[in-house]
Amino acid sequence: MSPYFADVRTITGGAKSVVLGLDPMVSNPGDPWKRVMNYPRIWQALYSIGVSESSAALIGITFIALFLCGLYVFMLGLTGEAIGYVVLAGLSPAIMLGIERGNNDLFVFFLISVSVVMLRCQPFLSAFILAVGSFVKLFPIFGIVMFLRLRVSSFIYIAGGLLMCFAVYVLATYHDIKLITDGTPKPTALAFGFNVFWMRLAGHDYWLGMSAMVVSYFLLGLVLFRCVRFLEFRSHRGVEESRWMDYFRAGGAIYVGCFLSSNSWDYRLMFLVFTFPQLVIWMRGKNRVIAVNSTLVLCAAILSLWHLKLDEMWKLIAVGKYISFISDEILNWVVFGGLCGLLAYSLPGWLVAAFDRFQNRKVF
């Protein structure tokens, strides 16, 4: 898009709107495309330090630099195979879309990467960094599941405190969040999410879309049943806690949370990269079911990240656009279903044991 760093200009253009006495979350003539600012109001604090329309390039480059720093921190200690998958993802059209737009998800990626690193030595600092990400973009709160690596008491104390702070923030900014929801596009192309499939079909035929919605809920039920089945592969001793498991939980939960809560642009697939090291470990493990599912998720994630290039190939045939859409949705659902099952498998032993006690208790 021209001018460059289009998503940054939603923020920087708001400076002009504020000078005009307008609320950029309601009316944003400073944006080149007149888009409302669909980010939390905390971003408007940048105007007090001189950020204006002329700052777009600087902010966009800063976001890209932070993303690369976060990617570097994440890749430290990776095996050669995992590095290969991460590089393949980093060069994909989906992530390049986020870089070209200068989207602030790049900044959030950096925060999540650092938060996971801090988790093992400074869990309170890790929680603070995750809170910052959640305040500036909301969806990072899904990454709270990474704190499952902590002891039960620490998890309740830290994760519970973070959830309470976020709940207060949501209640205090409820009106703004409604404006963000209303002002955020619901894309059905170059996007993933639970509603993408049926909304795209509803755009062609209402009843076809409603039928697709029923199918989507049926698939969701199958995924939930599959999660329960995956718990059967677990023992109460739990999985091996590692840095890669922390990254897997954070990245996997963010994808699953975004899939269920909204239609997200494909650049948000960048958070799937966090799941790759653990998927590679499981692929080489002895549990055949987990190995097969990890392989499917990793392959589907890579293909989904590169779908824009595959789309160009499909357009060469007459019905290519339909095949492209269906194939992309299949990939998204494979990633979603696979990650849900593997996230259930990754639950720590203390939580699985608690579920078993609840499930087996006698009710009189």
Protein backbone atom coordinates (compact mmCIF):
# COMPACT_ATOMS: atom_id res chain seq x y z
CA MET A 1 0.00 0.00 0.00
CA SER A 2 1.12 3.54 -0.58
CA PRO A 3 2.13 5.46 1.43
CA TYR A 4 4.30 2.78 3.06
CA PHE A 5 3.81 1.41 6.60
CA ALA A 6 0.05 1.74 6.22
CA ASP A 7 -0.85 0.35 9.64
CA VAL A 8 1.53 2.73 11.45
CA ARG A 9 -0.28 5.64 9.80
CA THR A 10 -3.47 4.75 11.63
CA ILE A 11 -1.57 5.76 14.78
CA THR A 12 0.50 8.67 13.46
CA GLY A 13 -2.46 10.09 11.54
CA GLY A 14 -4.34 10.25 14.82
CA ALA A 15 -2.03 13.06 15.93
CA LYS A 16 -3.53 15.31 13.27
CA SER A 17 -7.05 14.26 14.23
CA VAL A 18 -6.36 15.13 17.89
CA VAL A 19 -5.10 18.59 16.84
CA LEU A 20 -8.38 19.04 14.96
CA GLY A 21 -10.22 18.27 18.20
CA LEU A 22 -11.39 14.83 17.07
CA ASP A 23 -11.19 11.42 18.69
CA PRO A 24 -9.22 9.28 16.20
CA MET A 25 -11.05 6.19 17.48
CA VAL A 26 -14.26 7.76 16.15
CA SER A 27 -13.07 9.95 13.26
CA ASN A 28 -9.54 9.90 11.94
CA PRO A 29 -9.08 12.20 8.92
CA GLY A 30 -5.33 12.19 9.57
CA ASP A 31 -5.15 8.61 8.29
CA PRO A 32 -4.55 8.50 4.49
CA TRP A 33 -7.47 6.07 4.09
CA LYS A 34 -9.64 7.76 6.75
CA ARG A 35 -9.57 4.58 8.87
CA VAL A 36 -10.42 4.98 12.54
CA MET A 37 -7.67 4.15 15.01
CA ASN A 38 -8.57 0.61 16.11
CA TYR A 39 -5.89 0.28 18.80
CA PRO A 40 -6.19 0.90 22.57
CA ARG A 41 -6.07 4.56 23.56
CA ILE A 42 -2.73 4.02 25.30
CA TRP A 43 -1.10 4.45 21.87
CA GLN A 44 -2.22 8.08 21.85
CA ALA A 45 0.27 8.76 24.64
CA LEU A 46 2.87 8.87 21.85
CA TYR A 47 1.49 12.24 20.77
CA SER A 48 2.71 13.81 24.00
CA ILE A 49 6.33 13.04 23.03
CA GLY A 50 6.04 14.57 19.57
CA VAL A 51 4.87 11.66 17.42
CA SER A 52 3.10 12.99 14.32
CA GLU A 53 2.38 12.06 10.69
CA SER A 54 6.05 12.52 9.85
CA SER A 55 7.03 9.82 12.39
CA ALA A 56 5.57 6.89 10.41
CA ALA A 57 8.88 5.76 8.87
CA LEU A 58 10.75 5.92 12.19
CA ILE A 59 8.07 3.97 14.06
CA GLY A 60 7.72 1.39 11.26
CA ILE A 61 11.47 0.77 11.17
CA THR A 62 11.54 0.56 14.98
CA PHE A 63 8.80 -2.09 14.94
CA ILE A 64 10.74 -4.12 12.35
CA ALA A 65 13.98 -3.81 14.34
CA LEU A 66 12.25 -4.96 17.53
CA PHE A 67 10.69 -7.89 15.68
CA LEU A 68 14.12 -8.98 14.44
CA CYS A 69 15.52 -8.61 17.96
CA GLY A 70 12.69 -10.77 19.32
CA LEU A 71 13.32 -13.33 16.60
CA TYR A 72 17.03 -13.39 17.46
CA VAL A 73 16.34 -13.86 21.19
CA PHE A 74 13.91 -16.66 20.39
CA MET A 75 16.32 -18.46 18.02
CA LEU A 76 19.21 -18.62 20.49
CA GLY A 77 19.94 -22.30 21.16
CA LEU A 78 17.73 -23.69 18.38
CA THR A 79 18.74 -26.80 16.48
CA GLY A 80 19.64 -26.50 12.81
CA GLU A 81 16.37 -28.14 11.74
CA ALA A 82 14.24 -25.77 13.81
CA ILE A 83 16.22 -22.76 12.53
CA GLY A 84 15.45 -23.86 8.99
CA TYR A 85 11.71 -23.89 9.67
CA VAL A 86 11.87 -20.51 11.45
CA VAL A 87 13.79 -18.90 8.56
CA LEU A 88 11.31 -20.37 6.07
CA ALA A 89 8.48 -18.83 8.07
CA GLY A 90 10.29 -15.50 8.49
CA LEU A 91 10.58 -15.11 4.72
CA SER A 92 6.92 -16.01 4.13
CA PRO A 93 4.40 -13.60 2.54
CA ALA A 94 2.30 -13.57 5.75
CA ILE A 95 5.11 -12.19 7.93
CA MET A 96 6.33 -9.92 5.12
CA LEU A 97 2.80 -8.49 5.00
CA GLY A 98 3.15 -7.43 8.64
CA ILE A 99 6.57 -5.92 7.92
CA GLU A 100 5.33 -4.07 4.84
CA ARG A 101 2.41 -2.61 6.79
CA GLY A 102 4.57 -1.85 9.84
CA ASN A 103 1.92 -3.48 12.01
CA ASN A 104 2.39 -3.20 15.77
CA ASP A 105 2.05 -6.99 16.07
CA LEU A 106 5.79 -6.87 15.32
CA PHE A 107 6.28 -5.00 18.59
CA VAL A 108 4.06 -7.49 20.43
CA PHE A 109 6.12 -10.36 19.00
CA PHE A 110 9.19 -8.81 20.62
CA LEU A 111 7.40 -8.46 23.97
CA ILE A 112 6.22 -12.09 23.95
CA SER A 113 9.71 -13.32 23.03
CA VAL A 114 11.32 -11.42 25.91
CA SER A 115 8.52 -12.33 28.34
CA VAL A 116 9.11 -16.06 27.75
CA VAL A 117 12.86 -15.67 28.30
CA MET A 118 12.22 -13.84 31.58
CA LEU A 119 9.74 -16.46 32.77
CA ARG A 120 12.32 -18.90 34.14
CA CYS A 121 14.33 -16.37 36.16
CA GLN A 122 12.02 -13.38 36.72
CA PRO A 123 8.38 -14.51 36.52
CA PHE A 124 7.04 -11.21 37.88
CA LEU A 125 8.95 -9.25 35.23
CA SER A 126 7.68 -11.72 32.65
CA ALA A 127 4.11 -11.09 33.79
CA PHE A 128 4.67 -7.32 33.64
CA ILE A 129 5.95 -7.53 30.06
CA LEU A 130 2.98 -9.67 29.05
CA ALA A 131 0.68 -7.15 30.73
CA VAL A 132 2.22 -4.36 28.64
CA GLY A 133 1.59 -6.38 25.50
CA SER A 134 -2.00 -7.04 26.58
CA PHE A 135 -2.64 -3.37 27.31
CA VAL A 136 -1.35 -2.21 23.91
CA LYS A 137 -2.97 -4.95 21.78
CA LEU A 138 -5.35 -7.01 24.00
CA PHE A 139 -4.86 -10.46 22.38
CA PRO A 140 -1.45 -11.19 24.05
CA ILE A 141 -3.37 -12.03 27.24
CA PHE A 142 -3.96 -15.47 25.67
CA GLY A 143 -0.26 -16.10 26.22
CA ILE A 144 -0.89 -16.31 29.96
CA VAL A 145 -0.91 -20.12 29.67
CA MET A 146 2.89 -20.03 29.51
CA PHE A 147 2.87 -19.50 33.29
CA LEU A 148 1.70 -23.11 33.65
CA ARG A 149 5.38 -24.00 34.02
CA LEU A 150 5.28 -22.46 37.53
CA ARG A 151 4.33 -24.23 40.75
CA VAL A 152 0.64 -24.26 41.56
CA SER A 153 0.86 -21.49 44.17
CA SER A 154 3.04 -19.28 41.96
CA PHE A 155 0.76 -19.82 38.97
CA ILE A 156 -2.34 -18.85 40.93
CA TYR A 157 -0.61 -15.81 42.42
CA ILE A 158 1.03 -14.47 39.24
CA ALA A 159 -1.44 -15.53 36.56
CA GLY A 160 -4.40 -14.67 38.80
CA GLY A 161 -2.97 -11.22 39.49
CA LEU A 162 -2.34 -10.61 35.81
CA LEU A 163 -5.88 -11.65 34.90
CA MET A 164 -7.32 -9.36 37.57
CA CYS A 165 -5.28 -6.40 36.28
CA PHE A 166 -6.38 -7.13 32.73
CA ALA A 167 -10.02 -7.46 33.80
CA VAL A 168 -9.85 -4.06 35.52
CA TYR A 169 -8.25 -2.59 32.40
CA VAL A 170 -10.99 -4.03 30.18
CA LEU A 171 -13.75 -2.70 32.44
CA ALA A 172 -12.12 0.73 32.66
CA THR A 173 -11.73 0.97 28.88
CA TYR A 174 -14.86 -0.93 27.88
CA HIS A 175 -16.16 1.94 25.73
CA ASP A 176 -12.85 2.16 23.89
CA ILE A 177 -12.77 -1.60 23.34
CA LYS A 178 -16.22 -1.42 21.79
CA LEU A 179 -14.96 1.32 19.45
CA ILE A 180 -11.96 -0.88 18.58
CA THR A 181 -14.24 -3.84 17.86
CA ASP A 182 -16.57 -1.75 15.69
CA GLY A 183 -13.65 -0.12 13.86
CA THR A 184 -11.69 -3.29 13.16
CA PRO A 185 -12.32 -4.93 9.76
CA LYS A 186 -13.60 -8.51 9.67
CA PRO A 187 -11.50 -9.82 6.78
CA THR A 188 -12.38 -13.04 4.98
CA ALA A 189 -9.35 -12.97 2.67
CA LEU A 190 -5.71 -13.07 3.81
CA ALA A 191 -7.15 -13.95 7.21
CA PHE A 192 -7.80 -16.79 9.63
CA GLY A 193 -10.41 -17.34 12.30
CA PHE A 194 -13.46 -19.35 13.28
CA ASN A 195 -15.84 -17.01 11.40
CA VAL A 196 -13.85 -16.62 8.17
CA PHE A 197 -15.27 -19.73 6.46
CA TRP A 198 -18.97 -19.07 6.97
CA MET A 199 -18.72 -15.28 6.55
CA ARG A 200 -16.98 -15.68 3.19
CA LEU A 201 -19.69 -18.06 1.97
CA ALA A 202 -22.46 -15.87 3.42
CA GLY A 203 -21.16 -13.07 1.21
CA HIS A 204 -22.19 -15.18 -1.80
CA ASP A 205 -25.31 -16.84 -0.41
CA TYR A 206 -26.90 -16.30 3.01
CA TRP A 207 -28.16 -19.84 3.52
CA LEU A 208 -24.91 -21.34 2.30
CA GLY A 209 -23.15 -19.23 4.91
CA MET A 210 -25.53 -20.35 7.67
CA SER A 211 -24.96 -23.98 6.70
CA ALA A 212 -21.23 -23.38 6.84
CA MET A 213 -21.66 -21.89 10.33
CA VAL A 214 -23.31 -25.11 11.52
CA VAL A 215 -20.43 -27.09 10.02
CA SER A 216 -17.96 -24.80 11.81
CA TYR A 217 -19.58 -25.44 15.19
CA PHE A 218 -19.60 -29.17 14.48
CA LEU A 219 -15.86 -29.00 13.74
CA LEU A 220 -15.33 -27.04 16.95
CA GLY A 221 -17.10 -29.80 18.89
CA LEU A 222 -14.83 -32.39 17.29
CA VAL A 223 -11.78 -30.34 18.27
CA LEU A 224 -12.94 -30.13 21.90
CA PHE A 225 -13.55 -33.89 21.98
CA ARG A 226 -10.08 -34.39 20.51
CA CYS A 227 -8.56 -32.29 23.31
CA VAL A 228 -10.04 -34.65 25.88
CA ARG A 229 -8.63 -37.60 23.97
CA PHE A 230 -5.18 -36.03 23.97
CA LEU A 231 -5.23 -35.88 27.76
CA GLU A 232 -5.26 -39.68 27.69
CA PHE A 233 -1.73 -39.63 26.30
CA ARG A 234 -0.54 -37.85 29.41
CA SER A 235 0.70 -39.08 32.74
CA HIS A 236 0.47 -37.17 35.98
CA ARG A 237 4.21 -36.69 35.91
CA GLY A 238 3.71 -34.11 33.22
CA VAL A 239 5.67 -33.18 30.13
CA GLU A 240 9.24 -31.97 30.19
CA GLU A 241 9.25 -28.28 31.05
CA SER A 242 11.65 -26.33 28.88
CA ARG A 243 12.06 -22.96 27.24
CA TRP A 244 10.61 -24.39 24.03
CA MET A 245 7.55 -25.64 25.89
CA ASP A 246 7.01 -22.11 27.24
CA TYR A 247 7.24 -20.68 23.74
CA PHE A 248 4.90 -23.38 22.43
CA ARG A 249 2.25 -22.61 25.04
CA ALA A 250 2.49 -18.87 24.41
CA GLY A 251 2.42 -19.04 20.61
CA GLY A 252 -0.13 -21.85 20.46
CA ALA A 253 -2.53 -20.18 22.89
CA ILE A 254 -2.29 -16.85 21.04
CA TYR A 255 -3.17 -18.54 17.74
CA VAL A 256 -6.06 -20.51 19.28
CA GLY A 257 -7.35 -17.45 21.15
CA CYS A 258 -7.22 -15.25 18.06
CA PHE A 259 -8.83 -17.99 15.94
CA LEU A 260 -11.81 -18.19 18.29
CA SER A 261 -12.21 -14.50 19.09
CA SER A 262 -11.85 -12.66 15.78
CA ASN A 263 -10.97 -12.65 12.11
CA SER A 264 -7.23 -11.96 12.15
CA TRP A 265 -5.06 -10.83 9.25
CA ASP A 266 -2.51 -13.42 8.17
CA TYR A 267 0.44 -11.46 9.52
CA ARG A 268 -0.63 -12.61 13.00
CA LEU A 269 0.46 -16.09 11.93
CA MET A 270 3.93 -14.88 12.97
CA PHE A 271 3.18 -16.11 16.50
CA LEU A 272 3.03 -19.68 15.18
CA VAL A 273 6.81 -19.48 14.84
CA PHE A 274 7.04 -19.80 18.63
CA THR A 275 5.57 -23.31 18.39
CA PHE A 276 8.11 -24.68 15.90
CA PRO A 277 10.94 -25.83 18.23
CA GLN A 278 8.62 -27.90 20.43
CA LEU A 279 6.84 -29.31 17.39
CA VAL A 280 10.21 -30.47 16.02
CA ILE A 281 11.02 -32.11 19.38
CA TRP A 282 7.68 -33.94 19.38
CA MET A 283 8.13 -34.93 15.73
CA ARG A 284 11.29 -36.80 16.72
CA GLY A 285 9.75 -38.28 19.88
CA LYS A 286 8.63 -41.85 20.56
CA ASN A 287 4.90 -41.12 20.91
CA ARG A 288 3.64 -41.82 17.40
CA VAL A 289 0.30 -40.02 17.80
CA ILE A 290 1.96 -36.85 19.08
CA ALA A 291 4.67 -37.08 16.40
CA VAL A 292 2.12 -37.37 13.58
CA ASN A 293 0.01 -34.50 14.91
CA SER A 294 3.06 -32.29 15.40
CA THR A 295 4.15 -32.99 11.83
CA LEU A 296 0.69 -32.11 10.50
CA VAL A 297 0.56 -28.85 12.46
CA LEU A 298 4.06 -27.79 11.40
CA CYS A 299 3.43 -28.54 7.72
CA ALA A 300 0.02 -26.84 7.77
CA ALA A 301 1.51 -23.79 9.54
CA ILE A 302 4.27 -23.42 6.94
CA LEU A 303 1.81 -23.79 4.06
CA SER A 304 -0.56 -21.30 5.69
CA LEU A 305 2.26 -18.77 6.08
CA TRP A 306 3.09 -19.20 2.39
CA HIS A 307 -0.54 -19.35 1.23
CA LEU A 308 -0.33 -16.01 -0.59
CA LYS A 309 2.26 -17.47 -2.99
CA LEU A 310 0.24 -20.66 -3.37
CA ASP A 311 -2.78 -18.48 -4.16
CA GLU A 312 -0.94 -17.01 -7.15
CA MET A 313 -0.46 -20.53 -8.47
CA TRP A 314 -4.10 -21.53 -7.97
CA LYS A 315 -5.28 -18.44 -9.88
CA LEU A 316 -3.78 -19.92 -13.05
CA ILE A 317 -6.73 -22.33 -13.32
CA ALA A 318 -10.42 -21.51 -13.80
CA VAL A 319 -11.71 -22.54 -10.37
CA GLY A 320 -8.43 -21.68 -8.66
CA LYS A 321 -9.86 -19.00 -6.36
CA TYR A 322 -12.31 -21.48 -4.85
CA ILE A 323 -9.64 -24.15 -4.41
CA SER A 324 -7.34 -21.55 -2.86
CA PHE A 325 -9.95 -20.45 -0.32
CA ILE A 326 -10.97 -23.99 0.66
CA SER A 327 -7.37 -25.16 0.95
CA ASP A 328 -6.46 -22.19 3.14
CA GLU A 329 -9.39 -22.88 5.44
CA ILE A 330 -8.44 -26.54 5.70
CA LEU A 331 -4.91 -25.52 6.67
CA ASN A 332 -6.19 -23.07 9.28
CA TRP A 333 -8.48 -25.67 10.84
CA VAL A 334 -5.72 -28.29 10.85
CA VAL A 335 -3.44 -25.86 12.69
CA PHE A 336 -6.23 -24.88 15.10
CA GLY A 337 -7.35 -28.43 15.84
CA GLY A 338 -3.82 -29.74 16.11
CA LEU A 339 -2.68 -26.97 18.44
CA CYS A 340 -5.72 -27.43 20.69
CA GLY A 341 -4.90 -31.11 21.10
CA LEU A 342 -1.20 -30.50 21.65
CA LEU A 343 -1.91 -27.69 24.13
CA ALA A 344 -4.07 -30.16 26.06
CA TYR A 345 -1.18 -32.63 25.90
CA SER A 346 1.21 -29.94 27.19
CA LEU A 347 -0.77 -29.30 30.38
CA PRO A 348 1.39 -29.79 33.48
CA GLY A 349 0.90 -32.86 35.63
CA TRP A 350 -0.61 -30.94 38.56
CA LEU A 351 -3.39 -29.57 36.35
CA VAL A 352 -4.14 -32.93 34.71
CA ALA A 353 -4.30 -34.54 38.15
CA ALA A 354 -6.71 -31.82 39.32
CA PHE A 355 -8.95 -32.46 36.31
CA ASP A 356 -8.92 -36.19 37.04
CA ARG A 357 -9.88 -35.64 40.68
CA PHE A 358 -12.73 -33.36 39.61
CA GLN A 359 -13.90 -35.82 36.97
CA ASN A 360 -13.80 -38.84 39.30
CA ARG A 361 -15.24 -37.27 42.42
CA LYS A 362 -18.48 -38.73 43.75
CA VAL A 363 -21.53 -36.56 43.93
CA PHE A 364 -24.17 -37.55 46.52
